[in-house]
Every structure is written in structure tokens, then in C-alpha cells.
Amino acid sequence: MTANKSDIEELYKFIYPLAVRAGEILFEGYQNAGKKFTLKRNEFHNVVTDYDNEIEEFLMSSILASYPEHKFIGEEDTHKNNNITKELTDAPTWIIDPIDGTSNFIKQIPHVSVSIGLSINKQIVLGVVNNPAQGKLYTAKLGQGAFCNGEPIHVSNCERLNDANVAYEVCLLHEPTIRNKHIKRIYYVGSQARRLIGYSAVVDSLCMVAAGNLDAFHIEDMYPWDCAAGYLLIREAGGVVTHPYGGPFDIMKPDLICAGTEALRLQIETLIRKADQAKSVGGEEDV
């Protein structure tokens, strides 16, 4: 299948009402203070709720009913069939996170979203993010701009880190090598940024960069479903997204720096490189 404009528009019109319904399911659970959750693979930091599974099952079954040949990359893999893939191919592939920010969802913190991205020929061509707790529905189609609730959005024009509000998310902090790396990076970047902010919600942070609410965001050790829709939103909103060391962004290994301007992104990259060379942090000479 080619990724021409008419095909993208057809798929957008198809997925939009499904994203709206998925957001309704999410919001129903968000308002349920007594919701139950379990640990995934007995990892204390990794939780899943019945609503994660319900939303993913709803989206996958609805898509397969109309497009049985389409593939999926998703967080929960509840819909076990041959359409689930771990590798990105040229086939139309929906990349789904049924609930990004599950810990926020459990505690009724409104940084929580359904994220749906579509890849065709290994290129993200469509992104829809629904945050019903904030009443925000973000959409992007390749080459056609980014929107929130139907209104165009654009990244900020901030070029100096001293003026920037930067989101920084650390996952797998319990792993010593990851923890030590990010402690240094947080020190270097946080010492120069106006504010360093964390929302425990990768998708929402990406959306806020696209909308200009945040100036930049750095994240590593993520998965495709965390970043597919948000990546396209930022690009279509005029922003830049790269590997932390400046190379091309890879959706299948989505370590990234994103920013409204290349000048700001480069300042963050420079500090990350410096942090990674440091043996420790804490002295004035380090920054």
C-alpha cells in the first residue's frame, strides 16, 4: 500500500471515531477511583489495568474488522493473532498505546492518553492522541500539519536552554546503569534549563512540545507505541526530533531529543554528551 494523501485521509476518517470511543473508555476508567490493576511480569514499577486491555482489544478488533491485512505493534498484545508483529515492515502497521501514563491513570492525574500511530512503508503517516481528562484530542497527517481539537498547533520558538521548560522522563530508574546515566544528564541539563519537568507520561509530553507548552523533551529506553503518534505531531507542528546524539530518529528504538528549534535541541545534545563523559556530578566545575 502506498502512503498517498487520499489513502491517509481515508484511514484518518476511519480511525478518528475509534480514537474518540477509546478515549471515552479511558475516561470511564479514569473516573473510577476503585479501578484494579496488576503488575506486569511481577515488576513493581510496571502496572497494567483492565482498561489497558479493553482499549487495545477494542481498537485492534475494530481495525481488523475493516482492514484484516493490517499489522499491529502494541503495548499489551491482548489480541493474539498473526497480525501482531515485533518488526516494522512496509505493511500498514498500527502502533498503539492504549493508556500512556498508567500510573497517572490509577491516581487520577490528568496526564494520560490513548495514542494511535500508523506506519506505511516504514514511515509514520498518521497520529491521533486522545487525552479525555484534559479534553484534548491531537491529530496529525503526514504533510498536513498538527492540530488539537481541530485547531492548528505549532512548537515554540525558544532557542536558549536558559529560557526553556524542558520535560525529562526517566524510565527503568531501578536499573543501576540507567540510573547513573540519567542522574548525570539530569544534573547537566537541569542546571541550565529554566525548568526541568516530569509528567510520567511520554505521549502527553510529546504532545505538549508539539503544542508549544513545552520547549523540549528528552527520553530514552522507550518503545515504538510511546512515540509514534507524538513524533509525527512534533514534526508536523514544525519541531525537530532526533536521536540524543543527533542522528536520525528511529521509531523502533525511540531514544530522542525533541524541541521546537534546532538551536535548543543542539544545546541539550551537547550537555548530554558532556554528562555521559563525566565520572560524577555535584561540583560547580561540572556545569
Protein backbone atom coordinates (compact mmCIF):
# COMPACT_ATOMS: atom_id res chain seq x y z
CA MET A 1 0.00 0.00 0.00
CA THR A 2 1.27 3.46 -0.88
CA ALA A 3 1.04 6.35 1.54
CA ASN A 4 -0.69 8.83 -0.76
CA LYS A 5 -2.83 11.67 0.53
CA SER A 6 -6.18 10.05 -0.29
CA ASP A 7 -5.23 6.80 1.48
CA ILE A 8 -4.11 8.71 4.57
CA GLU A 9 -7.35 10.70 4.58
CA GLU A 10 -9.45 7.53 4.31
CA LEU A 11 -7.61 5.93 7.22
CA TYR A 12 -7.85 9.12 9.27
CA LYS A 13 -11.63 9.24 8.83
CA PHE A 14 -11.76 5.58 9.83
CA ILE A 15 -9.62 5.81 12.97
CA TYR A 16 -10.86 9.15 14.31
CA PRO A 17 -14.19 7.89 15.75
CA LEU A 18 -12.41 4.83 17.16
CA ALA A 19 -9.95 7.13 18.95
CA VAL A 20 -12.87 9.13 20.33
CA ARG A 21 -14.52 5.96 21.64
CA ALA A 22 -11.23 4.70 23.09
CA GLY A 23 -10.94 8.00 24.95
CA GLU A 24 -14.43 7.51 26.37
CA ILE A 25 -13.42 4.10 27.71
CA LEU A 26 -10.26 5.59 29.19
CA PHE A 27 -12.17 8.43 30.85
CA GLU A 28 -14.70 6.00 32.32
CA GLY A 29 -11.81 4.18 33.97
CA TYR A 30 -10.04 7.40 34.93
CA GLN A 31 -13.08 8.47 36.95
CA ASN A 32 -13.30 5.07 38.66
CA ALA A 33 -11.22 5.52 41.80
CA GLY A 34 -11.66 1.83 42.66
CA LYS A 35 -10.11 0.53 39.44
CA LYS A 36 -7.99 -2.59 39.77
CA PHE A 37 -4.51 -3.07 38.42
CA THR A 38 -1.95 -5.84 38.34
CA LEU A 39 1.81 -6.00 37.98
CA LYS A 40 3.13 -6.95 34.57
CA ARG A 41 5.68 -9.75 34.80
CA ASN A 42 5.75 -9.17 38.58
CA GLU A 43 7.69 -5.91 38.11
CA PHE A 44 6.76 -3.45 40.85
CA HIS A 45 7.22 -0.47 38.51
CA ASN A 46 5.20 -1.85 35.59
CA VAL A 47 1.44 -1.95 36.02
CA VAL A 48 -1.49 -2.74 33.75
CA THR A 49 -5.21 -2.23 34.31
CA ASP A 50 -8.25 -3.94 32.85
CA TYR A 51 -8.81 -0.75 30.88
CA ASP A 52 -5.45 -1.09 29.08
CA ASN A 53 -6.56 -4.46 27.80
CA GLU A 54 -10.10 -3.34 27.00
CA ILE A 55 -8.98 -0.35 24.93
CA GLU A 56 -6.35 -2.28 23.00
CA GLU A 57 -8.77 -5.13 22.31
CA PHE A 58 -11.41 -2.64 21.12
CA LEU A 59 -9.04 -0.85 18.76
CA MET A 60 -7.45 -3.97 17.30
CA SER A 61 -10.70 -5.83 16.74
CA SER A 62 -12.32 -2.75 15.17
CA ILE A 63 -9.40 -2.20 12.80
CA LEU A 64 -9.20 -5.87 11.81
CA ALA A 65 -12.91 -5.94 11.02
CA SER A 66 -12.31 -3.39 8.24
CA TYR A 67 -8.64 -4.00 7.40
CA PRO A 68 -7.85 -7.67 8.09
CA GLU A 69 -4.44 -7.42 6.43
CA HIS A 70 -3.17 -4.62 8.66
CA LYS A 71 -0.47 -5.26 11.28
CA PHE A 72 -0.06 -4.08 14.87
CA ILE A 73 2.66 -3.12 17.30
CA GLY A 74 1.12 -2.55 20.71
CA GLU A 75 1.98 -2.46 24.40
CA GLU A 76 -0.36 -5.09 25.79
CA ASP A 77 -0.67 -7.55 22.85
CA THR A 78 -4.06 -8.65 24.12
CA HIS A 79 -5.37 -9.55 20.67
CA LYS A 80 -3.23 -12.62 19.99
CA ASN A 81 -3.08 -13.37 16.26
CA ASN A 82 -0.75 -13.32 13.30
CA ASN A 83 -1.27 -9.59 12.80
CA ILE A 84 0.87 -8.78 15.84
CA THR A 85 4.43 -8.01 14.80
CA LYS A 86 7.64 -7.01 16.57
CA GLU A 87 9.30 -5.75 13.39
CA LEU A 88 8.26 -2.78 11.28
CA THR A 89 7.65 -3.67 7.63
CA ASP A 90 6.21 -1.84 4.63
CA ALA A 91 2.74 -3.14 5.53
CA PRO A 92 0.25 -0.73 7.13
CA THR A 93 1.02 -1.08 10.84
CA TRP A 94 -0.92 0.47 13.69
CA ILE A 95 1.29 1.36 16.66
CA ILE A 96 -0.95 1.60 19.72
CA ASP A 97 -0.55 2.54 23.36
CA PRO A 98 -3.99 2.01 24.94
CA ILE A 99 -3.10 4.01 28.05
CA ASP A 100 0.08 6.05 28.24
CA GLY A 101 0.63 7.18 31.80
CA THR A 102 -0.94 4.21 33.55
CA SER A 103 0.38 5.30 36.96
CA ASN A 104 -1.22 8.71 36.40
CA PHE A 105 -4.41 6.95 35.29
CA ILE A 106 -4.57 4.97 38.53
CA LYS A 107 -4.05 8.10 40.67
CA GLN A 108 -6.36 10.34 38.58
CA ILE A 109 -3.56 12.63 37.44
CA PRO A 110 -4.70 14.11 34.10
CA HIS A 111 -1.57 13.33 32.05
CA VAL A 112 -2.93 10.17 30.46
CA SER A 113 -3.73 9.38 26.82
CA VAL A 114 -4.67 6.88 24.17
CA SER A 115 -2.02 7.01 21.44
CA ILE A 116 -2.50 5.66 17.91
CA GLY A 117 0.10 5.92 15.16
CA LEU A 118 0.06 4.42 11.67
CA SER A 119 3.14 3.43 9.69
CA ILE A 120 3.08 2.68 5.96
CA ASN A 121 6.30 1.76 4.16
CA LYS A 122 8.13 2.23 7.48
CA GLN A 123 7.03 5.88 7.65
CA ILE A 124 4.68 7.32 10.28
CA VAL A 125 1.85 8.88 8.27
CA LEU A 126 -0.91 9.34 10.85
CA GLY A 127 -1.09 10.12 14.55
CA VAL A 128 -4.03 10.54 16.91
CA VAL A 129 -3.71 11.14 20.66
CA ASN A 130 -6.77 11.45 22.91
CA ASN A 131 -6.40 12.87 26.43
CA PRO A 132 -10.01 12.95 27.64
CA ALA A 133 -9.07 14.04 31.17
CA GLN A 134 -7.88 17.34 29.69
CA GLY A 135 -10.40 17.39 26.85
CA LYS A 136 -7.64 17.39 24.22
CA LEU A 137 -7.59 15.37 21.01
CA TYR A 138 -4.42 15.79 18.95
CA THR A 139 -4.24 14.79 15.28
CA ALA A 140 -1.60 14.82 12.57
CA LYS A 141 -1.47 13.61 8.98
CA LEU A 142 1.82 13.48 7.07
CA GLY A 143 2.42 16.77 5.29
CA GLN A 144 -0.81 18.35 6.55
CA GLY A 145 0.08 19.94 9.88
CA ALA A 146 -0.77 19.17 13.50
CA PHE A 147 -3.95 20.03 15.39
CA CYS A 148 -5.52 19.98 18.84
CA ASN A 149 -9.31 19.84 18.89
CA GLY A 150 -9.26 20.87 15.24
CA GLU A 151 -7.15 23.99 15.78
CA PRO A 152 -3.61 24.21 14.33
CA ILE A 153 -0.75 23.88 16.81
CA HIS A 154 2.89 24.85 16.49
CA VAL A 155 6.04 24.31 18.51
CA SER A 156 7.62 27.12 20.50
CA ASN A 157 10.40 29.28 19.05
CA CYS A 158 12.61 29.05 22.16
CA GLU A 159 16.30 28.87 21.22
CA ARG A 160 18.06 29.20 24.59
CA LEU A 161 18.10 26.49 27.22
CA ASN A 162 18.14 29.15 29.96
CA ASP A 163 14.69 30.20 28.72
CA ALA A 164 13.32 26.69 28.19
CA ASN A 165 10.86 24.49 30.02
CA VAL A 166 12.19 21.00 29.33
CA ALA A 167 10.44 17.73 30.08
CA TYR A 168 12.70 14.87 31.14
CA GLU A 169 11.38 11.39 31.72
CA VAL A 170 13.42 8.60 33.29
CA CYS A 171 12.20 5.04 32.91
CA LEU A 172 13.77 1.92 34.39
CA LEU A 173 15.43 4.05 37.07
CA HIS A 174 15.81 0.96 39.22
CA GLU A 175 18.49 -0.33 36.79
CA PRO A 176 21.89 0.91 38.06
CA THR A 177 23.46 1.68 34.68
CA ILE A 178 20.39 3.57 33.50
CA ARG A 179 20.03 5.36 36.84
CA ASN A 180 23.64 6.54 36.89
CA LYS A 181 23.48 7.77 33.29
CA HIS A 182 20.36 9.83 33.87
CA ILE A 183 21.45 11.28 37.21
CA LYS A 184 24.35 12.89 35.33
CA ARG A 185 22.18 14.03 32.45
CA ILE A 186 19.54 15.49 34.76
CA TYR A 187 22.25 17.41 36.59
CA TYR A 188 23.78 18.87 33.43
CA VAL A 189 20.55 19.70 31.60
CA GLY A 190 18.66 20.75 34.74
CA SER A 191 21.42 23.13 35.77
CA GLN A 192 20.97 25.09 32.55
CA ALA A 193 17.22 24.85 31.84
CA ARG A 194 14.71 27.30 33.25
CA ARG A 195 12.65 24.32 34.45
CA LEU A 196 13.10 20.55 34.24
CA ILE A 197 9.69 18.89 34.42
CA GLY A 198 8.46 15.29 34.51
CA TYR A 199 4.89 14.14 33.96
CA SER A 200 5.29 10.33 33.93
CA ALA A 201 3.59 10.47 30.55
CA VAL A 202 5.71 10.25 27.41
CA VAL A 203 2.85 10.75 24.94
CA ASP A 204 1.45 13.79 26.74
CA SER A 205 4.92 15.34 26.96
CA LEU A 206 5.43 14.90 23.21
CA CYS A 207 2.04 16.50 22.58
CA MET A 208 2.94 19.45 24.79
CA VAL A 209 6.13 20.01 22.78
CA ALA A 210 4.06 19.93 19.58
CA ALA A 211 1.63 22.47 21.05
CA GLY A 212 4.37 24.79 22.35
CA ASN A 213 3.52 24.22 26.03
CA LEU A 214 6.95 22.67 26.49
CA ASP A 215 10.08 23.76 24.65
CA ALA A 216 11.88 20.40 24.59
CA PHE A 217 11.79 16.82 25.84
CA HIS A 218 14.37 14.06 26.32
CA ILE A 219 13.58 10.39 26.78
CA GLU A 220 15.36 7.06 26.35
CA ASP A 221 14.58 3.36 26.81
CA MET A 222 11.10 3.69 25.33
CA TYR A 223 9.06 1.62 22.89
CA PRO A 224 7.51 2.43 19.48
CA TRP A 225 4.00 2.85 20.91
CA ASP A 226 5.25 5.54 23.28
CA CYS A 227 6.46 7.80 20.49
CA ALA A 228 4.85 7.01 17.11
CA ALA A 229 1.94 9.46 17.19
CA GLY A 230 3.81 12.12 19.18
CA TYR A 231 6.77 12.04 16.79
CA LEU A 232 4.54 12.91 13.84
CA LEU A 233 2.73 15.60 15.82
CA ILE A 234 6.01 17.36 16.60
CA ARG A 235 7.31 17.12 13.04
CA GLU A 236 4.03 18.39 11.62
CA ALA A 237 3.98 21.20 14.19
CA GLY A 238 7.37 22.40 12.93
CA GLY A 239 9.65 20.80 15.52
CA VAL A 240 12.76 18.65 15.37
CA VAL A 241 13.15 15.08 16.63
CA THR A 242 16.50 13.27 16.65
CA HIS A 243 18.47 10.60 18.44
CA PRO A 244 20.02 12.05 21.64
CA TYR A 245 23.40 12.16 19.89
CA GLY A 246 21.96 13.92 16.88
CA GLY A 247 21.41 11.07 14.44
CA PRO A 248 18.12 10.22 12.75
CA PHE A 249 15.21 9.23 14.98
CA ASP A 250 14.41 5.50 14.82
CA ILE A 251 10.83 4.60 15.75
CA MET A 252 11.86 1.03 16.63
CA LYS A 253 14.45 2.30 19.14
CA PRO A 254 12.92 5.63 20.05
CA ASP A 255 15.56 7.34 22.18
CA LEU A 256 15.12 11.02 21.42
CA ILE A 257 15.55 14.70 21.96
CA CYS A 258 12.74 16.80 20.55
CA ALA A 259 12.49 20.57 20.58
CA GLY A 260 10.80 23.48 18.92
CA THR A 261 14.08 24.67 17.41
CA GLU A 262 17.29 23.02 16.29
CA ALA A 263 19.32 25.53 18.32
CA LEU A 264 17.68 24.36 21.54
CA ARG A 265 17.92 20.70 20.61
CA LEU A 266 21.64 21.07 19.94
CA GLN A 267 22.27 22.66 23.35
CA ILE A 268 20.61 19.70 25.05
CA GLU A 269 22.58 17.23 22.93
CA THR A 270 25.84 18.99 23.84
CA LEU A 271 25.07 18.72 27.56
CA ILE A 272 24.05 15.07 27.25
CA ARG A 273 27.37 14.30 25.57
CA LYS A 274 29.21 16.16 28.34
CA ALA A 275 27.23 14.34 31.04
CA ASP A 276 27.98 10.96 29.50
CA GLN A 277 31.70 11.71 29.72
CA ALA A 278 31.55 12.81 33.36
CA LYS A 279 32.57 10.38 36.10
CA SER A 280 30.31 12.03 38.66
CA VAL A 281 28.41 15.25 39.25
CA GLY A 282 27.97 17.76 42.02
CA GLY A 283 30.75 20.33 41.76
CA GLU A 284 30.45 23.82 40.29
CA GLU A 285 33.16 22.93 37.78
CA ASP A 286 30.89 20.30 36.27
CA VAL A 287 28.43 22.69 34.63
